[in-house]
Amino acid sequence: MSDFDLETILGELVQREPIFHRRAFGTSRDDLEAITAEDFFQIGASGRIYRRDFVIANLLERYQQPERHDWPCRDFSIRRLAENLYLLNYTLDEPGRTTLRTTI
């Protein structure tokens, strides 16, 4: 894979992060199920594991209200792990704190 291809993929992924806060990509249960695998899980900042059904239920509730923050992201990097599988790292500026994030 060329660096150009990797830069193109990075550009596409950057538009989606933070992934569950970019409502333009869909806010219905079907939309959320389409972008998460059946065995999806999320690891919170505390280290707690959140399963797919829990995450989707919370997102559907959250989407009932306007987004309270614009979730600015920066310092993106990408690494190809396998064919069509990428590791995306970035910094997220949250209200009151800055965190490092990873999406596979």
N, C-alpha and C. Protein backbone atom coordinates (compact mmCIF):
# COMPACT_ATOMS: atom_id res chain seq x y z
N MET A 1 0.85 -1.18 0.00
CA MET A 1 0.00 0.00 0.00
C MET A 1 0.90 1.24 0.00
N SER A 2 0.56 2.19 -0.83
CA SER A 2 1.37 3.40 -0.91
C SER A 2 1.01 4.37 0.20
N ASP A 3 1.92 5.30 0.48
CA ASP A 3 1.65 6.34 1.47
C ASP A 3 0.45 7.17 1.06
N PHE A 4 0.26 7.36 -0.27
CA PHE A 4 -0.89 8.12 -0.75
C PHE A 4 -2.19 7.44 -0.33
N ASP A 5 -2.25 6.13 -0.54
CA ASP A 5 -3.45 5.38 -0.16
C ASP A 5 -3.72 5.51 1.34
N LEU A 6 -2.68 5.39 2.13
CA LEU A 6 -2.81 5.50 3.57
C LEU A 6 -3.29 6.90 3.97
N GLU A 7 -2.79 7.91 3.30
CA GLU A 7 -3.24 9.29 3.57
C GLU A 7 -4.71 9.47 3.19
N THR A 8 -5.14 8.84 2.12
CA THR A 8 -6.55 8.90 1.72
C THR A 8 -7.43 8.25 2.77
N ILE A 9 -7.03 7.10 3.24
CA ILE A 9 -7.79 6.40 4.28
C ILE A 9 -7.80 7.21 5.57
N LEU A 10 -6.67 7.78 5.93
CA LEU A 10 -6.60 8.63 7.12
C LEU A 10 -7.59 9.79 6.99
N GLY A 11 -7.62 10.43 5.84
CA GLY A 11 -8.55 11.54 5.63
C GLY A 11 -10.00 11.13 5.81
N GLU A 12 -10.36 9.96 5.33
CA GLU A 12 -11.73 9.46 5.48
C GLU A 12 -12.06 9.17 6.94
N LEU A 13 -11.12 8.57 7.66
CA LEU A 13 -11.37 8.22 9.06
C LEU A 13 -11.41 9.45 9.96
N VAL A 14 -10.56 10.44 9.68
CA VAL A 14 -10.53 11.67 10.48
C VAL A 14 -11.91 12.32 10.50
N GLN A 15 -12.63 12.27 9.39
CA GLN A 15 -13.96 12.88 9.31
C GLN A 15 -14.95 12.24 10.27
N ARG A 16 -14.71 11.00 10.66
CA ARG A 16 -15.66 10.26 11.50
C ARG A 16 -15.37 10.33 12.99
N GLU A 17 -14.24 10.86 13.37
CA GLU A 17 -13.86 10.84 14.79
C GLU A 17 -14.19 12.15 15.50
N PRO A 18 -14.58 12.06 16.76
CA PRO A 18 -14.84 10.83 17.50
C PRO A 18 -16.12 10.16 16.98
N ILE A 19 -16.01 8.91 16.72
CA ILE A 19 -16.95 8.17 15.89
C ILE A 19 -18.42 8.28 16.33
N PHE A 20 -18.70 8.25 17.60
CA PHE A 20 -20.10 8.28 18.02
C PHE A 20 -20.62 9.70 18.26
N HIS A 21 -19.80 10.70 17.95
CA HIS A 21 -20.24 12.08 18.10
C HIS A 21 -20.46 12.77 16.76
N ARG A 22 -20.20 12.11 15.67
CA ARG A 22 -20.40 12.68 14.34
C ARG A 22 -21.75 12.20 13.81
N ARG A 23 -22.78 12.93 14.14
CA ARG A 23 -24.15 12.52 13.84
C ARG A 23 -24.47 12.46 12.35
N ALA A 24 -23.69 13.11 11.53
CA ALA A 24 -23.93 13.10 10.08
C ALA A 24 -23.86 11.69 9.50
N PHE A 25 -23.22 10.78 10.20
CA PHE A 25 -23.08 9.41 9.71
C PHE A 25 -24.20 8.51 10.20
N GLY A 26 -25.18 9.08 10.90
CA GLY A 26 -26.35 8.32 11.31
C GLY A 26 -26.53 8.23 12.80
N THR A 27 -27.79 8.23 13.22
CA THR A 27 -28.11 8.19 14.65
C THR A 27 -29.17 7.14 14.99
N SER A 28 -29.53 6.31 14.05
CA SER A 28 -30.54 5.28 14.33
C SER A 28 -29.85 4.00 14.81
N ARG A 29 -30.64 3.11 15.38
CA ARG A 29 -30.10 1.81 15.79
C ARG A 29 -29.48 1.10 14.60
N ASP A 30 -30.15 1.13 13.44
CA ASP A 30 -29.61 0.48 12.25
C ASP A 30 -28.27 1.07 11.85
N ASP A 31 -28.15 2.40 11.91
CA ASP A 31 -26.88 3.06 11.58
C ASP A 31 -25.78 2.60 12.52
N LEU A 32 -26.07 2.57 13.81
CA LEU A 32 -25.07 2.19 14.81
C LEU A 32 -24.68 0.72 14.70
N GLU A 33 -25.65 -0.13 14.41
CA GLU A 33 -25.35 -1.54 14.22
C GLU A 33 -24.51 -1.76 12.97
N ALA A 34 -24.72 -0.92 11.95
CA ALA A 34 -23.96 -1.07 10.70
C ALA A 34 -22.49 -0.71 10.87
N ILE A 35 -22.16 0.15 11.83
CA ILE A 35 -20.76 0.55 12.00
C ILE A 35 -20.07 -0.16 13.16
N THR A 36 -20.77 -1.10 13.80
CA THR A 36 -20.17 -1.87 14.89
C THR A 36 -20.36 -3.36 14.63
N ALA A 37 -19.34 -4.12 14.91
CA ALA A 37 -19.44 -5.57 14.79
C ALA A 37 -20.31 -6.12 15.91
N GLU A 38 -20.86 -7.31 15.71
CA GLU A 38 -21.72 -7.91 16.73
C GLU A 38 -20.99 -8.09 18.06
N ASP A 39 -19.70 -8.33 18.01
CA ASP A 39 -18.92 -8.51 19.24
C ASP A 39 -18.19 -7.23 19.66
N PHE A 40 -18.65 -6.08 19.15
CA PHE A 40 -18.06 -4.78 19.48
C PHE A 40 -18.08 -4.54 20.99
N PHE A 41 -17.03 -3.89 21.47
CA PHE A 41 -17.01 -3.39 22.83
C PHE A 41 -16.17 -2.12 22.85
N GLN A 42 -16.42 -1.31 23.83
CA GLN A 42 -15.68 -0.06 23.99
C GLN A 42 -15.04 -0.07 25.37
N ILE A 43 -13.82 0.42 25.46
CA ILE A 43 -13.15 0.52 26.75
C ILE A 43 -13.16 1.98 27.16
N GLY A 44 -13.79 2.27 28.30
CA GLY A 44 -13.88 3.64 28.80
C GLY A 44 -12.57 4.10 29.42
N ALA A 45 -12.50 5.38 29.72
CA ALA A 45 -11.29 5.96 30.32
C ALA A 45 -10.94 5.28 31.64
N SER A 46 -11.93 4.75 32.34
CA SER A 46 -11.69 4.08 33.61
C SER A 46 -11.17 2.66 33.43
N GLY A 47 -11.22 2.16 32.17
CA GLY A 47 -10.83 0.78 31.90
C GLY A 47 -12.02 -0.15 31.86
N ARG A 48 -13.20 0.36 32.17
CA ARG A 48 -14.41 -0.46 32.16
C ARG A 48 -14.78 -0.81 30.72
N ILE A 49 -15.28 -2.02 30.52
CA ILE A 49 -15.69 -2.49 29.20
C ILE A 49 -17.19 -2.30 29.04
N TYR A 50 -17.57 -1.70 27.91
CA TYR A 50 -18.98 -1.46 27.59
C TYR A 50 -19.32 -2.27 26.34
N ARG A 51 -20.29 -3.15 26.45
CA ARG A 51 -20.70 -4.01 25.34
C ARG A 51 -21.56 -3.22 24.34
N ARG A 52 -21.68 -3.78 23.16
CA ARG A 52 -22.37 -3.13 22.03
C ARG A 52 -23.78 -2.67 22.39
N ASP A 53 -24.60 -3.53 22.95
CA ASP A 53 -25.98 -3.16 23.26
C ASP A 53 -26.04 -1.98 24.24
N PHE A 54 -25.17 -1.98 25.22
CA PHE A 54 -25.13 -0.89 26.20
C PHE A 54 -24.73 0.42 25.51
N VAL A 55 -23.70 0.36 24.67
CA VAL A 55 -23.23 1.56 23.97
C VAL A 55 -24.33 2.11 23.07
N ILE A 56 -24.96 1.25 22.29
CA ILE A 56 -26.02 1.70 21.38
C ILE A 56 -27.18 2.30 22.14
N ALA A 57 -27.62 1.66 23.22
CA ALA A 57 -28.73 2.19 24.02
C ALA A 57 -28.40 3.58 24.55
N ASN A 58 -27.18 3.77 25.04
CA ASN A 58 -26.78 5.07 25.56
C ASN A 58 -26.67 6.11 24.46
N LEU A 59 -26.18 5.72 23.31
CA LEU A 59 -26.09 6.66 22.19
C LEU A 59 -27.48 7.09 21.72
N LEU A 60 -28.40 6.16 21.62
CA LEU A 60 -29.76 6.51 21.19
C LEU A 60 -30.40 7.50 22.16
N GLU A 61 -30.13 7.34 23.44
CA GLU A 61 -30.62 8.29 24.43
C GLU A 61 -29.92 9.64 24.27
N ARG A 62 -28.61 9.62 24.09
CA ARG A 62 -27.83 10.86 23.93
C ARG A 62 -28.30 11.64 22.71
N TYR A 63 -28.62 10.92 21.62
CA TYR A 63 -29.01 11.59 20.38
C TYR A 63 -30.36 12.31 20.48
N GLN A 64 -31.06 12.13 21.56
CA GLN A 64 -32.32 12.85 21.77
C GLN A 64 -32.08 14.33 22.07
N GLN A 65 -30.86 14.68 22.48
CA GLN A 65 -30.50 16.05 22.85
C GLN A 65 -29.45 16.59 21.86
N PRO A 66 -29.38 17.92 21.74
CA PRO A 66 -28.32 18.50 20.89
C PRO A 66 -26.94 18.18 21.47
N GLU A 67 -25.97 18.06 20.59
CA GLU A 67 -24.59 17.82 21.02
C GLU A 67 -24.12 19.03 21.82
N ARG A 68 -23.50 18.81 22.97
CA ARG A 68 -23.10 19.90 23.86
C ARG A 68 -21.68 20.39 23.63
N HIS A 69 -20.97 19.73 22.75
CA HIS A 69 -19.56 20.05 22.56
C HIS A 69 -19.20 19.68 21.12
N ASP A 70 -18.22 20.33 20.52
CA ASP A 70 -17.88 20.01 19.13
C ASP A 70 -16.77 18.94 19.01
N TRP A 71 -16.22 18.47 20.12
CA TRP A 71 -15.30 17.34 20.17
C TRP A 71 -14.11 17.50 19.21
N PRO A 72 -13.31 18.55 19.38
CA PRO A 72 -12.18 18.73 18.49
C PRO A 72 -11.11 17.65 18.68
N CYS A 73 -10.61 17.15 17.56
CA CYS A 73 -9.58 16.10 17.54
C CYS A 73 -8.36 16.64 16.81
N ARG A 74 -7.20 16.09 17.17
CA ARG A 74 -5.95 16.54 16.54
C ARG A 74 -4.90 15.45 16.65
N ASP A 75 -3.77 15.69 16.02
CA ASP A 75 -2.61 14.79 16.09
C ASP A 75 -2.94 13.35 15.69
N PHE A 76 -3.60 13.21 14.56
CA PHE A 76 -3.98 11.88 14.07
C PHE A 76 -2.77 11.13 13.52
N SER A 77 -2.77 9.82 13.75
CA SER A 77 -1.81 8.93 13.10
C SER A 77 -2.54 7.64 12.77
N ILE A 78 -2.04 6.96 11.76
CA ILE A 78 -2.68 5.73 11.31
C ILE A 78 -1.63 4.67 11.05
N ARG A 79 -2.01 3.43 11.30
CA ARG A 79 -1.12 2.29 11.03
C ARG A 79 -1.98 1.17 10.44
N ARG A 80 -1.50 0.59 9.38
CA ARG A 80 -2.19 -0.56 8.78
C ARG A 80 -1.84 -1.79 9.58
N LEU A 81 -2.86 -2.50 10.08
CA LEU A 81 -2.64 -3.72 10.85
C LEU A 81 -2.74 -4.97 9.98
N ALA A 82 -3.64 -4.93 9.00
CA ALA A 82 -3.86 -6.03 8.07
C ALA A 82 -4.66 -5.46 6.90
N GLU A 83 -4.95 -6.29 5.93
CA GLU A 83 -5.74 -5.81 4.80
C GLU A 83 -7.09 -5.28 5.29
N ASN A 84 -7.38 -4.03 4.97
CA ASN A 84 -8.63 -3.36 5.35
C ASN A 84 -8.82 -3.23 6.86
N LEU A 85 -7.73 -3.21 7.62
CA LEU A 85 -7.80 -3.05 9.07
C LEU A 85 -6.73 -2.04 9.50
N TYR A 86 -7.18 -0.98 10.20
CA TYR A 86 -6.28 0.12 10.54
C TYR A 86 -6.42 0.50 11.99
N LEU A 87 -5.33 0.97 12.56
CA LEU A 87 -5.30 1.51 13.91
C LEU A 87 -5.18 3.02 13.79
N LEU A 88 -6.16 3.74 14.32
CA LEU A 88 -6.18 5.20 14.27
C LEU A 88 -5.97 5.73 15.68
N ASN A 89 -4.99 6.60 15.85
CA ASN A 89 -4.73 7.23 17.15
C ASN A 89 -4.90 8.73 17.00
N TYR A 90 -5.40 9.38 18.06
CA TYR A 90 -5.56 10.82 18.02
C TYR A 90 -5.74 11.37 19.42
N THR A 91 -5.67 12.69 19.51
CA THR A 91 -5.92 13.40 20.76
C THR A 91 -7.30 14.03 20.67
N LEU A 92 -8.09 13.86 21.72
CA LEU A 92 -9.43 14.44 21.79
C LEU A 92 -9.46 15.47 22.91
N ASP A 93 -9.88 16.67 22.57
CA ASP A 93 -10.04 17.73 23.58
C ASP A 93 -11.48 17.70 24.07
N GLU A 94 -11.66 17.13 25.25
CA GLU A 94 -12.98 17.03 25.87
C GLU A 94 -13.17 18.22 26.80
N PRO A 95 -14.40 18.49 27.19
CA PRO A 95 -14.62 19.55 28.19
C PRO A 95 -13.88 19.21 29.48
N GLY A 96 -12.92 20.03 29.85
CA GLY A 96 -12.21 19.84 31.11
C GLY A 96 -11.05 18.87 31.10
N ARG A 97 -10.80 18.18 29.96
CA ARG A 97 -9.67 17.27 29.93
C ARG A 97 -9.32 16.94 28.48
N THR A 98 -8.11 16.46 28.30
CA THR A 98 -7.63 16.01 27.02
C THR A 98 -7.30 14.52 27.15
N THR A 99 -7.75 13.71 26.18
CA THR A 99 -7.49 12.28 26.24
C THR A 99 -6.89 11.79 24.93
N LEU A 100 -6.17 10.70 25.00
CA LEU A 100 -5.66 10.01 23.84
C LEU A 100 -6.65 8.92 23.48
N ARG A 101 -6.96 8.78 22.20
CA ARG A 101 -7.96 7.82 21.75
C ARG A 101 -7.40 6.91 20.68
N THR A 102 -7.97 5.73 20.59
CA THR A 102 -7.61 4.74 19.59
C THR A 102 -8.87 4.11 19.04
N THR A 103 -8.92 3.96 17.73
CA THR A 103 -10.02 3.26 17.07
C THR A 103 -9.41 2.23 16.12
N ILE A 104 -9.95 1.04 16.14
CA ILE A 104 -9.52 0.01 15.18
C ILE A 104 -10.63 -0.13 14.16
